[in-house]
N, C-alpha and C. Protein backbone atom coordinates (compact mmCIF):
# COMPACT_ATOMS: atom_id res chain seq x y z
N UNK A 1 8.85 -16.82 -1.90
CA UNK A 1 7.60 -16.08 -1.89
C UNK A 1 6.70 -16.62 -2.99
N UNK A 2 5.43 -16.59 -2.77
CA UNK A 2 4.44 -17.01 -3.76
C UNK A 2 4.77 -16.37 -5.10
N UNK A 3 4.69 -17.15 -6.17
CA UNK A 3 5.07 -16.62 -7.48
C UNK A 3 4.01 -15.68 -8.06
N UNK A 4 2.80 -15.65 -7.51
CA UNK A 4 1.77 -14.74 -8.02
C UNK A 4 2.05 -13.33 -7.52
N UNK A 5 1.98 -12.37 -8.43
CA UNK A 5 2.28 -10.99 -8.10
C UNK A 5 1.00 -10.22 -7.79
N UNK A 6 1.04 -9.43 -6.75
CA UNK A 6 -0.09 -8.60 -6.35
C UNK A 6 0.42 -7.17 -6.22
N UNK A 7 0.11 -6.35 -7.23
CA UNK A 7 0.55 -4.96 -7.23
C UNK A 7 -0.66 -4.04 -7.13
N UNK A 8 -1.65 -4.24 -7.96
CA UNK A 8 -2.87 -3.45 -7.97
C UNK A 8 -4.04 -4.36 -7.58
N UNK A 9 -5.13 -3.78 -7.05
CA UNK A 9 -6.27 -4.62 -6.67
C UNK A 9 -6.97 -5.20 -7.90
N UNK A 10 -7.46 -6.42 -7.76
CA UNK A 10 -8.30 -6.98 -8.81
C UNK A 10 -9.64 -6.24 -8.79
N UNK A 11 -10.36 -6.28 -9.88
CA UNK A 11 -11.68 -5.64 -9.94
C UNK A 11 -12.58 -6.22 -8.86
N UNK A 12 -12.57 -7.55 -8.70
CA UNK A 12 -13.42 -8.21 -7.69
C UNK A 12 -13.08 -7.74 -6.28
N UNK A 13 -11.78 -7.69 -5.95
CA UNK A 13 -11.39 -7.25 -4.61
C UNK A 13 -11.76 -5.80 -4.36
N UNK A 14 -11.57 -4.95 -5.37
CA UNK A 14 -11.90 -3.54 -5.20
C UNK A 14 -13.41 -3.34 -5.07
N UNK A 15 -14.19 -4.10 -5.84
CA UNK A 15 -15.65 -4.02 -5.71
C UNK A 15 -16.09 -4.48 -4.32
N UNK A 16 -15.47 -5.53 -3.78
CA UNK A 16 -15.78 -6.00 -2.43
C UNK A 16 -15.46 -4.92 -1.40
N UNK A 17 -14.33 -4.25 -1.57
CA UNK A 17 -13.94 -3.16 -0.68
C UNK A 17 -14.99 -2.05 -0.73
N UNK A 18 -15.39 -1.65 -1.93
CA UNK A 18 -16.34 -0.55 -2.08
C UNK A 18 -17.73 -0.90 -1.55
N UNK A 19 -18.05 -2.19 -1.46
CA UNK A 19 -19.37 -2.61 -0.97
C UNK A 19 -19.46 -2.54 0.56
N UNK A 20 -18.32 -2.44 1.24
CA UNK A 20 -18.32 -2.36 2.70
C UNK A 20 -18.69 -0.94 3.14
N UNK A 21 -19.00 -0.81 4.42
CA UNK A 21 -19.35 0.49 5.00
C UNK A 21 -18.24 1.50 4.70
N UNK A 22 -18.63 2.65 4.19
CA UNK A 22 -17.65 3.68 3.82
C UNK A 22 -17.52 4.76 4.88
N UNK A 23 -18.33 4.70 5.94
CA UNK A 23 -18.38 5.82 6.90
C UNK A 23 -17.53 5.62 8.14
N UNK A 24 -17.06 4.41 8.40
CA UNK A 24 -16.31 4.16 9.63
C UNK A 24 -14.81 4.20 9.37
N UNK A 25 -14.03 4.48 10.41
CA UNK A 25 -12.57 4.46 10.25
C UNK A 25 -12.09 3.08 9.81
N UNK A 26 -11.03 3.08 9.02
CA UNK A 26 -10.44 1.81 8.57
C UNK A 26 -8.94 1.82 8.79
N UNK A 27 -8.40 0.64 8.95
CA UNK A 27 -6.97 0.41 9.05
C UNK A 27 -6.56 -0.43 7.86
N UNK A 28 -5.50 -0.01 7.18
CA UNK A 28 -5.02 -0.74 6.00
C UNK A 28 -3.63 -1.29 6.31
N UNK A 29 -3.56 -2.63 6.41
CA UNK A 29 -2.28 -3.31 6.62
C UNK A 29 -1.59 -3.43 5.27
N UNK A 30 -0.40 -2.87 5.17
CA UNK A 30 0.40 -2.87 3.94
C UNK A 30 1.64 -3.73 4.14
N UNK A 31 1.82 -4.74 3.31
CA UNK A 31 3.03 -5.55 3.31
C UNK A 31 3.62 -5.45 1.90
N UNK A 32 4.86 -5.01 1.82
CA UNK A 32 5.47 -4.69 0.53
C UNK A 32 6.78 -5.43 0.30
N UNK A 33 6.92 -5.94 -0.90
CA UNK A 33 8.19 -6.52 -1.37
C UNK A 33 8.56 -5.76 -2.63
N UNK A 34 9.75 -5.14 -2.62
CA UNK A 34 10.18 -4.30 -3.72
C UNK A 34 10.95 -5.06 -4.80
N UNK A 35 10.84 -4.55 -6.03
CA UNK A 35 11.75 -5.00 -7.08
C UNK A 35 13.16 -4.57 -6.69
N UNK A 36 14.14 -5.33 -7.11
CA UNK A 36 15.53 -4.90 -6.90
C UNK A 36 15.77 -3.60 -7.67
N UNK A 37 15.29 -3.54 -8.91
CA UNK A 37 15.39 -2.35 -9.76
C UNK A 37 13.97 -1.94 -10.16
N UNK A 38 13.67 -0.66 -10.02
CA UNK A 38 12.33 -0.15 -10.37
C UNK A 38 12.02 -0.48 -11.82
N UNK A 39 10.76 -0.76 -12.09
CA UNK A 39 10.30 -1.14 -13.43
C UNK A 39 9.18 -0.19 -13.87
N UNK A 40 9.59 0.98 -14.37
CA UNK A 40 8.62 1.95 -14.86
C UNK A 40 8.10 1.52 -16.22
N UNK A 41 6.84 1.85 -16.51
CA UNK A 41 6.23 1.52 -17.79
C UNK A 41 6.90 2.31 -18.91
N UNK A 42 6.82 1.77 -20.12
CA UNK A 42 7.39 2.44 -21.29
C UNK A 42 6.78 3.82 -21.44
N UNK A 43 7.65 4.79 -21.68
CA UNK A 43 7.19 6.16 -21.87
C UNK A 43 7.17 7.00 -20.60
N UNK A 44 7.31 6.37 -19.43
CA UNK A 44 7.36 7.14 -18.18
C UNK A 44 8.68 7.91 -18.15
N UNK A 45 8.68 9.16 -17.66
CA UNK A 45 9.92 9.95 -17.64
C UNK A 45 11.08 9.28 -16.90
N UNK A 46 10.79 8.39 -15.96
CA UNK A 46 11.85 7.71 -15.21
C UNK A 46 12.14 6.31 -15.73
N UNK A 47 11.60 5.97 -16.87
CA UNK A 47 11.73 4.61 -17.42
C UNK A 47 13.18 4.12 -17.46
N UNK A 48 14.12 4.95 -17.84
CA UNK A 48 15.53 4.54 -17.99
C UNK A 48 16.43 5.08 -16.89
N UNK A 49 15.84 5.54 -15.79
CA UNK A 49 16.61 6.07 -14.67
C UNK A 49 16.96 4.93 -13.73
N UNK A 50 18.25 4.69 -13.47
CA UNK A 50 18.62 3.62 -12.52
C UNK A 50 18.08 3.96 -11.13
N UNK A 51 17.28 3.06 -10.59
CA UNK A 51 16.63 3.32 -9.31
C UNK A 51 16.19 1.98 -8.72
N UNK A 52 16.29 1.85 -7.42
CA UNK A 52 15.80 0.64 -6.77
C UNK A 52 14.28 0.74 -6.60
N UNK A 53 13.67 -0.40 -6.33
CA UNK A 53 12.24 -0.38 -6.01
C UNK A 53 11.96 0.45 -4.78
N UNK A 54 12.84 0.37 -3.78
CA UNK A 54 12.66 1.16 -2.56
C UNK A 54 12.71 2.66 -2.87
N UNK A 55 13.59 3.07 -3.77
CA UNK A 55 13.67 4.49 -4.15
C UNK A 55 12.40 4.93 -4.90
N UNK A 56 11.90 4.07 -5.78
CA UNK A 56 10.66 4.40 -6.49
C UNK A 56 9.51 4.51 -5.50
N UNK A 57 9.48 3.63 -4.49
CA UNK A 57 8.42 3.70 -3.48
C UNK A 57 8.53 4.99 -2.66
N UNK A 58 9.74 5.43 -2.39
CA UNK A 58 9.93 6.70 -1.69
C UNK A 58 9.36 7.85 -2.53
N UNK A 59 9.53 7.78 -3.85
CA UNK A 59 8.92 8.78 -4.73
C UNK A 59 7.40 8.75 -4.64
N UNK A 60 6.85 7.54 -4.56
CA UNK A 60 5.40 7.39 -4.38
C UNK A 60 4.95 8.08 -3.09
N UNK A 61 5.67 7.85 -2.01
CA UNK A 61 5.33 8.47 -0.73
C UNK A 61 5.41 9.99 -0.80
N UNK A 62 6.44 10.50 -1.45
CA UNK A 62 6.62 11.95 -1.56
C UNK A 62 5.49 12.57 -2.38
N UNK A 63 5.13 11.94 -3.49
CA UNK A 63 4.11 12.51 -4.37
C UNK A 63 2.68 12.29 -3.87
N UNK A 64 2.44 11.16 -3.20
CA UNK A 64 1.08 10.88 -2.72
C UNK A 64 0.84 11.41 -1.30
N UNK A 65 1.90 11.74 -0.58
CA UNK A 65 1.79 12.18 0.81
C UNK A 65 0.83 13.34 1.04
N UNK A 66 0.88 14.39 0.21
CA UNK A 66 -0.05 15.49 0.44
C UNK A 66 -1.53 15.08 0.30
N UNK A 67 -1.83 14.18 -0.60
CA UNK A 67 -3.21 13.71 -0.77
C UNK A 67 -3.60 12.85 0.43
N UNK A 68 -2.70 11.95 0.84
CA UNK A 68 -2.90 11.09 2.00
C UNK A 68 -3.21 11.94 3.23
N UNK A 69 -2.44 12.99 3.44
CA UNK A 69 -2.67 13.89 4.59
C UNK A 69 -3.99 14.64 4.45
N UNK A 70 -4.27 15.13 3.24
CA UNK A 70 -5.49 15.92 3.01
C UNK A 70 -6.75 15.13 3.34
N UNK A 71 -6.77 13.82 3.04
CA UNK A 71 -7.96 13.02 3.31
C UNK A 71 -8.01 12.53 4.76
N UNK A 72 -6.98 12.88 5.56
CA UNK A 72 -6.98 12.52 6.97
C UNK A 72 -6.26 11.23 7.29
N UNK A 73 -5.47 10.71 6.34
CA UNK A 73 -4.73 9.48 6.57
C UNK A 73 -3.54 9.70 7.48
N UNK A 74 -3.17 8.65 8.20
CA UNK A 74 -1.97 8.70 9.05
C UNK A 74 -1.38 7.31 9.16
N UNK A 75 -0.07 7.25 9.33
CA UNK A 75 0.60 5.97 9.58
C UNK A 75 0.58 5.77 11.10
N UNK A 76 -0.04 4.68 11.55
CA UNK A 76 -0.13 4.47 13.00
C UNK A 76 0.86 3.44 13.50
N UNK A 77 1.47 2.69 12.58
CA UNK A 77 2.50 1.71 12.96
C UNK A 77 3.33 1.39 11.74
N UNK A 78 4.62 1.27 11.94
CA UNK A 78 5.55 0.86 10.89
C UNK A 78 6.59 -0.03 11.56
N UNK A 79 6.96 -1.12 10.90
CA UNK A 79 7.95 -2.01 11.49
C UNK A 79 8.79 -2.71 10.45
N UNK A 80 9.93 -3.23 10.91
CA UNK A 80 10.80 -4.03 10.06
C UNK A 80 10.42 -5.49 10.19
N UNK A 81 10.23 -6.15 9.07
CA UNK A 81 9.94 -7.58 9.08
C UNK A 81 11.15 -8.32 9.62
N UNK A 82 10.93 -9.26 10.54
CA UNK A 82 12.04 -10.03 11.10
C UNK A 82 11.90 -11.52 10.87
N UNK A 83 10.72 -12.09 11.08
CA UNK A 83 10.55 -13.53 10.93
C UNK A 83 9.07 -13.88 10.92
N UNK A 84 8.74 -15.00 10.27
CA UNK A 84 7.38 -15.54 10.32
C UNK A 84 7.33 -16.58 11.43
N UNK A 85 6.40 -16.43 12.34
CA UNK A 85 6.22 -17.38 13.44
C UNK A 85 5.16 -18.40 13.06
N UNK A 86 4.06 -17.96 12.47
CA UNK A 86 3.01 -18.84 11.97
C UNK A 86 2.69 -18.38 10.55
N UNK A 87 2.75 -19.30 9.61
CA UNK A 87 2.44 -18.95 8.23
C UNK A 87 3.56 -19.36 7.29
N UNK A 88 3.39 -19.05 6.00
CA UNK A 88 4.40 -19.44 5.01
C UNK A 88 5.75 -18.80 5.31
N UNK A 89 6.78 -19.61 5.39
CA UNK A 89 8.11 -19.09 5.71
C UNK A 89 8.80 -18.47 4.51
N UNK A 90 8.19 -18.57 3.33
CA UNK A 90 8.81 -17.99 2.15
C UNK A 90 8.33 -16.56 1.88
N UNK A 91 7.49 -16.00 2.75
CA UNK A 91 7.05 -14.62 2.58
C UNK A 91 7.93 -13.70 3.44
N UNK A 92 8.65 -12.83 2.77
CA UNK A 92 9.51 -11.85 3.43
C UNK A 92 9.10 -10.48 2.90
N UNK A 93 9.06 -9.50 3.75
CA UNK A 93 8.57 -8.18 3.38
C UNK A 93 9.65 -7.13 3.60
N UNK A 94 9.76 -6.20 2.65
CA UNK A 94 10.72 -5.11 2.76
C UNK A 94 10.19 -3.97 3.62
N UNK A 95 8.88 -3.80 3.63
CA UNK A 95 8.27 -2.73 4.42
C UNK A 95 6.87 -3.17 4.84
N UNK A 96 6.53 -2.91 6.09
CA UNK A 96 5.21 -3.24 6.61
C UNK A 96 4.74 -2.05 7.44
N UNK A 97 3.48 -1.64 7.21
CA UNK A 97 2.94 -0.54 8.01
C UNK A 97 1.42 -0.62 8.02
N UNK A 98 0.83 0.11 8.96
CA UNK A 98 -0.62 0.24 9.04
C UNK A 98 -0.96 1.71 8.85
N UNK A 99 -1.79 1.96 7.83
CA UNK A 99 -2.30 3.31 7.58
C UNK A 99 -3.73 3.37 8.10
N UNK A 100 -4.06 4.46 8.77
CA UNK A 100 -5.42 4.67 9.27
C UNK A 100 -6.06 5.79 8.46
N UNK A 101 -7.30 5.55 8.07
CA UNK A 101 -8.10 6.54 7.36
C UNK A 101 -9.35 6.81 8.18
N UNK A 102 -9.82 8.05 8.19
CA UNK A 102 -11.03 8.36 8.96
C UNK A 102 -12.26 7.62 8.44
N UNK A 103 -12.20 7.17 7.18
CA UNK A 103 -13.30 6.41 6.59
C UNK A 103 -12.82 5.77 5.30
N UNK A 104 -13.56 4.77 4.85
CA UNK A 104 -13.26 4.18 3.54
C UNK A 104 -13.49 5.21 2.44
N UNK A 105 -14.45 6.11 2.66
CA UNK A 105 -14.70 7.18 1.69
C UNK A 105 -13.45 8.03 1.50
N UNK A 106 -12.71 8.28 2.59
CA UNK A 106 -11.47 9.06 2.50
C UNK A 106 -10.43 8.32 1.67
N UNK A 107 -10.32 7.01 1.87
CA UNK A 107 -9.39 6.20 1.07
C UNK A 107 -9.78 6.28 -0.41
N UNK A 108 -11.07 6.13 -0.70
CA UNK A 108 -11.54 6.19 -2.09
C UNK A 108 -11.31 7.57 -2.69
N UNK A 109 -11.46 8.62 -1.89
CA UNK A 109 -11.17 9.97 -2.37
C UNK A 109 -9.70 10.07 -2.76
N UNK A 110 -8.83 9.48 -1.94
CA UNK A 110 -7.40 9.52 -2.23
C UNK A 110 -7.09 8.81 -3.55
N UNK A 111 -7.55 7.57 -3.69
CA UNK A 111 -7.15 6.77 -4.86
C UNK A 111 -7.78 7.26 -6.16
N UNK A 112 -8.79 8.10 -6.08
CA UNK A 112 -9.39 8.65 -7.30
C UNK A 112 -8.90 10.06 -7.61
N UNK A 113 -8.07 10.63 -6.75
CA UNK A 113 -7.50 11.95 -6.99
C UNK A 113 -6.55 11.88 -8.20
N UNK A 114 -6.65 12.81 -9.15
CA UNK A 114 -5.79 12.77 -10.35
C UNK A 114 -4.29 12.85 -10.03
N UNK A 115 -3.91 13.60 -9.01
CA UNK A 115 -2.48 13.67 -8.64
C UNK A 115 -2.04 12.33 -8.07
N UNK A 116 -2.89 11.72 -7.25
CA UNK A 116 -2.56 10.39 -6.70
C UNK A 116 -2.41 9.38 -7.84
N UNK A 117 -3.28 9.44 -8.82
CA UNK A 117 -3.24 8.47 -9.91
C UNK A 117 -1.94 8.57 -10.71
N UNK A 118 -1.31 9.72 -10.72
CA UNK A 118 0.03 9.85 -11.32
C UNK A 118 1.09 9.32 -10.36
N UNK A 119 0.94 9.61 -9.07
CA UNK A 119 1.90 9.15 -8.06
C UNK A 119 1.95 7.64 -7.98
N UNK A 120 0.81 6.98 -8.18
CA UNK A 120 0.76 5.52 -8.02
C UNK A 120 1.63 4.80 -9.06
N UNK A 121 2.02 5.49 -10.12
CA UNK A 121 2.93 4.89 -11.10
C UNK A 121 4.28 4.55 -10.47
N UNK A 122 4.70 5.34 -9.47
CA UNK A 122 5.93 5.02 -8.72
C UNK A 122 5.74 3.72 -7.93
N UNK A 123 4.56 3.58 -7.31
CA UNK A 123 4.28 2.36 -6.54
C UNK A 123 4.30 1.15 -7.47
N UNK A 124 3.66 1.28 -8.62
CA UNK A 124 3.62 0.17 -9.57
C UNK A 124 5.02 -0.21 -10.05
N UNK A 125 5.90 0.77 -10.21
CA UNK A 125 7.28 0.49 -10.63
C UNK A 125 8.09 -0.14 -9.50
N UNK A 126 7.72 0.14 -8.27
CA UNK A 126 8.48 -0.29 -7.10
C UNK A 126 8.16 -1.69 -6.64
N UNK A 127 6.90 -2.10 -6.74
CA UNK A 127 6.41 -3.29 -6.05
C UNK A 127 6.55 -4.57 -6.87
N UNK A 128 7.21 -5.55 -6.27
CA UNK A 128 7.24 -6.90 -6.83
C UNK A 128 5.95 -7.62 -6.47
N UNK A 129 5.58 -7.56 -5.20
CA UNK A 129 4.32 -8.12 -4.73
C UNK A 129 3.96 -7.42 -3.42
N UNK A 130 2.67 -7.44 -3.11
CA UNK A 130 2.23 -6.76 -1.89
C UNK A 130 0.94 -7.38 -1.38
N UNK A 131 0.60 -7.00 -0.18
CA UNK A 131 -0.69 -7.32 0.41
C UNK A 131 -1.24 -6.02 0.98
N UNK A 132 -2.48 -5.73 0.69
CA UNK A 132 -3.17 -4.57 1.26
C UNK A 132 -4.49 -5.09 1.79
N UNK A 133 -4.64 -5.06 3.11
CA UNK A 133 -5.80 -5.66 3.75
C UNK A 133 -6.48 -4.65 4.64
N UNK A 134 -7.80 -4.56 4.50
CA UNK A 134 -8.61 -3.62 5.28
C UNK A 134 -9.07 -4.27 6.57
N UNK A 135 -8.99 -3.48 7.64
CA UNK A 135 -9.48 -3.90 8.95
C UNK A 135 -10.32 -2.79 9.55
N UNK A 136 -11.33 -3.18 10.32
CA UNK A 136 -12.08 -2.23 11.13
C UNK A 136 -11.43 -2.13 12.49
N UNK A 137 -11.73 -1.06 13.21
CA UNK A 137 -11.17 -0.87 14.54
C UNK A 137 -12.00 -1.61 15.59
N UNK A 138 -11.33 -2.16 16.57
CA UNK A 138 -11.96 -2.76 17.74
C UNK A 138 -11.43 -2.08 18.99
N UNK A 139 -12.17 -2.16 20.08
CA UNK A 139 -11.69 -1.63 21.34
C UNK A 139 -10.46 -2.40 21.79
N UNK A 140 -9.51 -1.70 22.37
CA UNK A 140 -8.31 -2.34 22.91
C UNK A 140 -8.62 -2.94 24.27
N UNK A 141 -7.83 -3.92 24.67
CA UNK A 141 -8.01 -4.56 25.97
C UNK A 141 -6.68 -5.02 26.50
N UNK A 142 -6.73 -5.70 27.64
CA UNK A 142 -5.50 -6.17 28.27
C UNK A 142 -5.17 -7.60 27.90
N UNK A 143 -6.05 -8.26 27.13
CA UNK A 143 -5.81 -9.65 26.75
C UNK A 143 -6.07 -9.81 25.26
N UNK A 144 -5.73 -10.99 24.76
CA UNK A 144 -5.99 -11.31 23.35
C UNK A 144 -7.46 -11.41 23.12
């Protein structure tokens, strides 16, 4: 896997996200690779608790779930990574899913919520590297 780590958005990427239309539904493709052992920051209550990255991410889901639901978010697809057909063969993912939000404004409401900002510490401890990519919705059809 690429040696560059992507856990939190860069300022530039987040500014680009915020500059897009905030009123339309969005789909967020999440690709996650976990640490073998969670890496909580110094001083966090779980700093010395033996835990896998996957377990820390489950804590993130438990703590952030109520906010995610409140803003209208839903998981519309989740799958197990099996193989790369086109692309770098060194990228392997532990968890992949698509979250749908009724709007980018709803996503921004979630990530600025004080409870969410505490919950995200579990995500930061869990993730070795990730990709979070925004997509707009298109009409479905019978062909590519």
